Amino acid sequence: MLVPFRAGTQVIGALRPDFARALRGWPAVFAFDAGGVALVPADERKRSDALAEATRELARTGWIQGWRGELYAVHAPGGGPLFCIERAAMRRFGLLSHAAHANVFSGRGARRRMWIARRSAAKPIDPGLWDTLVGGGIAAGLSAWQTLLKEAREEAGIEAARARRARFVKALMIERIVPEGLHREILFVYDLEVGAGFRPRNLDGEVSAFERSGCAGLVRRLAQGAFTAEAALIVHDWLARAGAGRPALRRALARSERLAARAGAGRTGRASGR
C-alpha cells in the first residue's frame, strides 16, 4: 500500500513504503504522522530548495535514477504552484505531471496513416517502445502549447509554422503503479495533419526509428503491448475517433484490448478522459 504524501493538508502524491522510510533522513523537510508524510517547509521557494537538496542526495544513493536536470512544477489540486522538483523524482513521490502529445497523421478514411516513433534504447523510461511522433513532459515555466512546438522540432524536425496547425483535441489522464512508485499524468492531446510527402527527422537523439502505420498496424501494436502506456491511450483514442462509423475498426480495437489483457500486456492503472 502506498503512503500518502501531503503539502499542508492536501494529498498531492503517494510513496512506496520503503521510499517513505528513506525520507526519515530529512526531518526538516519531511514530517511523519498517522496520515502519511508531509512537507515541512511552508512556502514555494523553501519547499523547492529543500526538495532540491534532498533529491540530489536520494539520487546519489540510488533512490532516484535517470536524473534529467529538468524541473517540473507541482500545483495544489485546483490551485497555485506548490514547488518545483527534479523530473526524475516525480514517480518516486507520486506527483501529478503534465505532457503534450500530437497525433501526426496523413490521409483520410482507409488511407489514413499515423506517424509513430520508436524510443531510443538509451531512454531511462520505456526504452525501445513505440510512442507518438511528438510528445514530451511539460517543464516548469512552459505551457502545453510551447512544449508541443518544442518537441515537434526536436523529435520530428517539424518547424513551428507547420506545428502551429495542430488542433487541440482533449486532455486524458493516466494513473498506474510503476516500479518507482506511482505515475500520474495529464496528457494534452493534439491532432496534426501533414501531407503524404512529409518525412520526420529526429534532432535530439531520443528516437531510434519512425514508422508510418495504418490503422490495422496500430491495432496490432496495441495488442502486442508495443506502445508506452501513455501512447497506447492516445493512439487508442485516435483510432476510436478515426473509426467512427467503421464497425470493422471498432471490432478490431475491442479484439486488441482482449488480446492485450490475455497476454498481460496491459499496464496496471486507470485512464480516463477529462
Protein backbone atom coordinates (compact mmCIF):
# COMPACT_ATOMS: atom_id res chain seq x y z
CA MET A 1 0.00 0.00 0.00
CA LEU A 2 1.28 3.45 -0.92
CA VAL A 3 1.83 6.13 1.73
CA PRO A 4 0.01 9.47 1.22
CA PHE A 5 2.29 12.45 0.58
CA ARG A 6 0.97 15.87 1.60
CA ALA A 7 1.68 19.58 1.31
CA GLY A 8 -0.16 21.06 4.26
CA THR A 9 -3.46 19.21 4.49
CA GLN A 10 -3.66 18.40 0.76
CA VAL A 11 -2.64 14.97 -0.51
CA ILE A 12 -0.52 15.59 -3.61
CA GLY A 13 1.26 12.26 -4.10
CA ALA A 14 1.94 8.75 -2.85
CA LEU A 15 5.11 6.95 -1.77
CA ARG A 16 6.26 3.37 -1.68
CA PRO A 17 6.73 2.40 1.99
CA ASP A 18 10.45 1.70 1.57
CA PHE A 19 10.97 5.10 -0.09
CA ALA A 20 8.96 6.79 2.66
CA ARG A 21 11.31 5.27 5.23
CA ALA A 22 14.29 6.61 3.28
CA LEU A 23 12.92 10.15 3.73
CA ARG A 24 13.35 10.00 7.51
CA GLY A 25 16.90 11.24 6.98
CA TRP A 26 15.50 14.77 6.35
CA PRO A 27 13.37 15.66 9.42
CA ALA A 28 13.48 19.35 8.49
CA VAL A 29 11.90 18.53 5.12
CA PHE A 30 9.55 15.59 5.75
CA ALA A 31 7.26 15.07 8.74
CA PHE A 32 5.72 11.68 9.57
CA ASP A 33 2.34 11.12 11.20
CA ALA A 34 -0.58 8.69 11.11
CA GLY A 35 -1.77 10.28 7.88
CA GLY A 36 1.45 9.66 5.98
CA VAL A 37 4.31 12.01 5.08
CA ALA A 38 4.04 15.81 4.84
CA LEU A 39 6.37 18.52 3.57
CA VAL A 40 7.62 20.71 6.40
CA PRO A 41 8.62 23.94 4.55
CA ALA A 42 5.66 26.29 4.31
CA ASP A 43 6.21 28.23 1.07
CA GLU A 44 7.02 27.52 -2.56
CA ARG A 45 10.63 28.73 -2.52
CA LYS A 46 11.56 26.91 0.68
CA ARG A 47 9.88 23.70 -0.47
CA SER A 48 11.71 23.81 -3.81
CA ASP A 49 15.09 24.45 -2.19
CA ALA A 50 14.63 21.73 0.42
CA LEU A 51 13.49 19.19 -2.16
CA ALA A 52 16.42 20.06 -4.44
CA GLU A 53 18.86 19.19 -1.67
CA ALA A 54 17.03 16.01 -0.65
CA THR A 55 16.53 14.69 -4.19
CA ARG A 56 20.20 15.20 -5.09
CA GLU A 57 21.20 13.03 -2.14
CA LEU A 58 18.49 10.48 -2.95
CA ALA A 59 19.87 10.28 -6.48
CA ARG A 60 23.39 9.83 -5.15
CA THR A 61 22.23 6.87 -3.04
CA GLY A 62 20.27 5.28 -5.89
CA TRP A 63 16.70 6.04 -4.86
CA ILE A 64 16.18 8.37 -7.81
CA GLN A 65 17.55 7.26 -11.17
CA GLY A 66 17.73 8.79 -14.63
CA TRP A 67 18.45 12.33 -13.41
CA ARG A 68 17.36 14.81 -16.09
CA GLY A 69 18.38 18.20 -14.74
CA GLU A 70 14.90 19.47 -15.61
CA LEU A 71 12.35 20.88 -13.18
CA TYR A 72 8.63 20.12 -13.12
CA ALA A 73 6.17 22.43 -11.37
CA VAL A 74 3.76 20.82 -8.91
CA HIS A 75 0.47 22.55 -8.18
CA ALA A 76 -2.12 22.19 -5.46
CA PRO A 77 -5.27 20.42 -6.68
CA GLY A 78 -7.14 23.19 -8.47
CA GLY A 79 -4.77 25.80 -7.08
CA GLY A 80 -1.45 27.56 -7.36
CA PRO A 81 2.13 26.31 -7.51
CA LEU A 82 3.46 24.39 -4.50
CA PHE A 83 7.09 23.78 -5.56
CA CYS A 84 9.38 22.70 -8.37
CA ILE A 85 11.15 19.34 -8.31
CA GLU A 86 13.57 17.34 -10.48
CA ARG A 87 11.69 15.50 -13.21
CA ALA A 88 13.22 12.13 -12.33
CA ALA A 89 11.71 12.35 -8.82
CA MET A 90 8.08 12.71 -9.92
CA ARG A 91 7.25 8.99 -9.90
CA ARG A 92 9.05 8.38 -6.60
CA PHE A 93 6.79 10.97 -4.95
CA GLY A 94 3.69 10.02 -6.97
CA LEU A 95 3.23 13.62 -8.12
CA LEU A 96 0.94 14.72 -10.94
CA SER A 97 2.85 15.63 -14.10
CA HIS A 98 1.65 17.01 -17.44
CA ALA A 99 2.64 16.24 -21.02
CA ALA A 100 1.77 17.38 -24.55
CA HIS A 101 1.39 14.89 -27.43
CA ALA A 102 0.45 15.16 -31.09
CA ASN A 103 -1.08 12.52 -33.32
CA VAL A 104 0.71 13.30 -36.58
CA PHE A 105 -1.20 11.74 -39.48
CA SER A 106 -1.93 11.97 -43.18
CA GLY A 107 -4.74 10.77 -45.41
CA ARG A 108 -8.43 10.21 -44.86
CA GLY A 109 -10.65 7.17 -44.46
CA ALA A 110 -8.99 3.89 -45.39
CA ARG A 111 -5.87 5.80 -46.49
CA ARG A 112 -5.33 7.36 -43.06
CA ARG A 113 -1.85 6.77 -41.67
CA MET A 114 -0.22 7.81 -38.39
CA TRP A 115 3.46 8.53 -37.86
CA ILE A 116 4.86 6.84 -34.75
CA ALA A 117 8.36 6.85 -33.24
CA ARG A 118 10.37 4.15 -31.51
CA ARG A 119 12.06 5.37 -28.35
CA SER A 120 15.82 5.12 -28.15
CA ALA A 121 17.24 2.17 -26.22
CA ALA A 122 19.10 4.74 -24.12
CA LYS A 123 15.91 6.34 -22.75
CA PRO A 124 15.62 5.95 -18.96
CA ILE A 125 11.87 5.18 -19.19
CA ASP A 126 10.27 2.76 -21.68
CA PRO A 127 13.35 2.25 -23.89
CA GLY A 128 12.57 0.67 -27.25
CA LEU A 129 8.79 1.05 -27.02
CA TRP A 130 6.75 2.85 -29.65
CA ASP A 131 5.43 6.33 -28.92
CA THR A 132 3.54 9.18 -30.54
CA LEU A 133 5.69 11.03 -33.07
CA VAL A 134 5.58 14.18 -30.95
CA GLY A 135 5.32 14.13 -27.18
CA GLY A 136 7.06 15.30 -24.05
CA GLY A 137 6.66 16.34 -20.45
CA ILE A 138 5.83 19.95 -19.65
CA ALA A 139 8.73 21.53 -17.79
CA ALA A 140 8.33 24.31 -15.24
CA GLY A 141 7.69 27.65 -16.94
CA LEU A 142 6.33 26.17 -20.18
CA SER A 143 2.75 25.73 -21.38
CA ALA A 144 1.36 22.69 -23.16
CA TRP A 145 1.42 24.60 -26.46
CA GLN A 146 5.02 25.76 -26.01
CA THR A 147 6.04 22.20 -25.15
CA LEU A 148 4.29 20.84 -28.24
CA LEU A 149 6.15 23.26 -30.54
CA LYS A 150 9.46 22.45 -28.83
CA GLU A 151 9.00 18.68 -29.02
CA ALA A 152 7.77 18.83 -32.62
CA ARG A 153 11.05 20.47 -33.61
CA GLU A 154 13.35 18.30 -31.51
CA GLU A 155 11.72 14.90 -32.02
CA ALA A 156 10.46 15.11 -35.59
CA GLY A 157 12.06 18.14 -37.23
CA ILE A 158 8.67 19.83 -37.61
CA GLU A 159 9.11 23.56 -37.98
CA ALA A 160 6.95 25.92 -35.94
CA ALA A 161 4.90 27.10 -38.92
CA ARG A 162 3.70 23.56 -39.56
CA ALA A 163 3.41 22.57 -35.89
CA ARG A 164 1.14 25.56 -35.24
CA ARG A 165 -1.51 23.89 -37.39
CA ALA A 166 -2.02 21.31 -34.63
CA ARG A 167 -5.53 21.25 -33.19
CA PHE A 168 -6.18 20.58 -29.51
CA VAL A 169 -8.45 17.57 -29.05
CA LYS A 170 -8.75 16.71 -25.36
CA ALA A 171 -6.95 16.01 -22.10
CA LEU A 172 -6.57 12.44 -20.91
CA MET A 173 -5.35 11.25 -17.54
CA ILE A 174 -3.34 8.14 -16.83
CA GLU A 175 -2.54 6.68 -13.43
CA ARG A 176 -0.61 3.46 -12.88
CA ILE A 177 1.67 1.71 -10.45
CA VAL A 178 5.30 1.68 -11.68
CA PRO A 179 8.46 0.22 -10.11
CA GLU A 180 9.45 3.62 -8.70
CA GLY A 181 6.01 4.20 -7.13
CA LEU A 182 3.11 5.93 -8.86
CA HIS A 183 2.89 7.58 -12.27
CA ARG A 184 0.11 10.14 -12.64
CA GLU A 185 -0.04 12.36 -15.71
CA ILE A 186 -2.43 14.58 -17.60
CA LEU A 187 -1.88 14.26 -21.35
CA PHE A 188 -2.82 17.24 -23.54
CA VAL A 189 -3.60 15.68 -26.91
CA TYR A 190 -3.41 17.43 -30.28
CA ASP A 191 -4.01 16.28 -33.86
CA LEU A 192 -1.67 17.45 -36.62
CA GLU A 193 -2.43 16.55 -40.22
CA VAL A 194 0.53 16.54 -42.62
CA GLY A 195 0.90 15.87 -46.32
CA ALA A 196 1.71 12.48 -47.81
CA GLY A 197 5.23 13.69 -48.61
CA PHE A 198 6.10 14.55 -45.01
CA ARG A 199 9.08 12.72 -43.52
CA PRO A 200 10.10 13.17 -39.85
CA ARG A 201 13.68 13.92 -38.84
CA ASN A 202 14.85 13.42 -35.27
CA LEU A 203 17.15 16.09 -33.85
CA ASP A 204 17.58 15.16 -30.18
CA GLY A 205 18.83 11.56 -30.47
CA GLU A 206 15.90 10.15 -28.48
CA VAL A 207 14.31 8.24 -31.38
CA SER A 208 15.65 5.07 -32.98
CA ALA A 209 13.09 4.63 -35.79
CA PHE A 210 9.99 6.09 -37.42
CA GLU A 211 7.05 4.30 -38.98
CA ARG A 212 4.03 5.47 -40.95
CA SER A 213 1.39 3.00 -39.87
CA GLY A 214 -2.14 2.27 -40.99
CA CYS A 215 -4.95 1.60 -38.56
CA ALA A 216 -4.51 -2.18 -38.71
CA GLY A 217 -0.82 -1.88 -37.85
CA LEU A 218 -1.60 0.41 -34.91
CA VAL A 219 -4.20 -2.02 -33.58
CA ARG A 220 -1.70 -4.86 -33.87
CA ARG A 221 0.94 -2.95 -31.91
CA LEU A 222 -1.64 -2.10 -29.25
CA ALA A 223 -2.46 -5.80 -28.88
CA GLN A 224 1.25 -6.62 -28.61
CA GLY A 225 1.81 -4.06 -25.84
CA ALA A 226 4.42 -2.40 -28.05
CA PHE A 227 3.46 1.19 -27.12
CA THR A 228 4.22 3.10 -23.96
CA ALA A 229 1.19 3.21 -21.68
CA GLU A 230 0.64 6.89 -22.49
CA ALA A 231 0.95 6.42 -26.25
CA ALA A 232 -1.35 3.39 -26.12
CA LEU A 233 -4.06 5.51 -24.52
CA ILE A 234 -3.58 8.34 -27.02
CA VAL A 235 -3.41 6.07 -30.09
CA HIS A 236 -6.46 4.10 -28.95
CA ASP A 237 -8.39 7.36 -28.62
CA TRP A 238 -7.25 8.49 -32.09
CA LEU A 239 -8.29 5.17 -33.62
CA ALA A 240 -11.66 5.31 -31.93
CA ARG A 241 -12.23 8.79 -33.34
CA ALA A 242 -10.91 7.79 -36.77
CA GLY A 243 -13.10 4.68 -36.72
CA ALA A 244 -16.38 6.46 -36.09
CA GLY A 245 -18.85 4.79 -38.44
CA ARG A 246 -16.36 1.99 -39.24
CA PRO A 247 -17.64 -1.12 -37.39
CA ALA A 248 -14.70 -3.28 -38.54
CA LEU A 249 -12.19 -0.97 -36.84
CA ARG A 250 -14.26 -0.84 -33.65
CA ARG A 251 -14.34 -4.64 -33.58
CA ALA A 252 -10.56 -4.78 -34.15
CA LEU A 253 -9.98 -2.35 -31.27
CA ALA A 254 -12.13 -4.47 -28.98
CA ARG A 255 -10.16 -7.55 -30.03
CA SER A 256 -6.85 -5.80 -29.36
CA GLU A 257 -7.98 -4.97 -25.82
CA ARG A 258 -8.94 -8.59 -25.15
CA LEU A 259 -5.67 -9.89 -26.60
CA ALA A 260 -3.60 -7.41 -24.60
CA ALA A 261 -5.38 -8.37 -21.39
CA ARG A 262 -4.93 -12.09 -22.11
CA ALA A 263 -1.23 -11.62 -22.86
CA GLY A 264 -0.66 -9.47 -19.79
CA ALA A 265 0.48 -6.56 -21.95
CA GLY A 266 -1.85 -4.04 -20.34
CA ARG A 267 -0.34 -1.78 -17.69
CA THR A 268 -1.71 -1.63 -14.17
CA GLY A 269 -3.66 1.55 -13.55
CA ARG A 270 -6.52 3.56 -14.92
CA ALA A 271 -7.07 6.10 -17.64
CA SER A 272 -9.90 8.48 -18.24
CA GLY A 273 -10.94 11.45 -20.34
CA ARG A 274 -11.03 14.83 -18.66
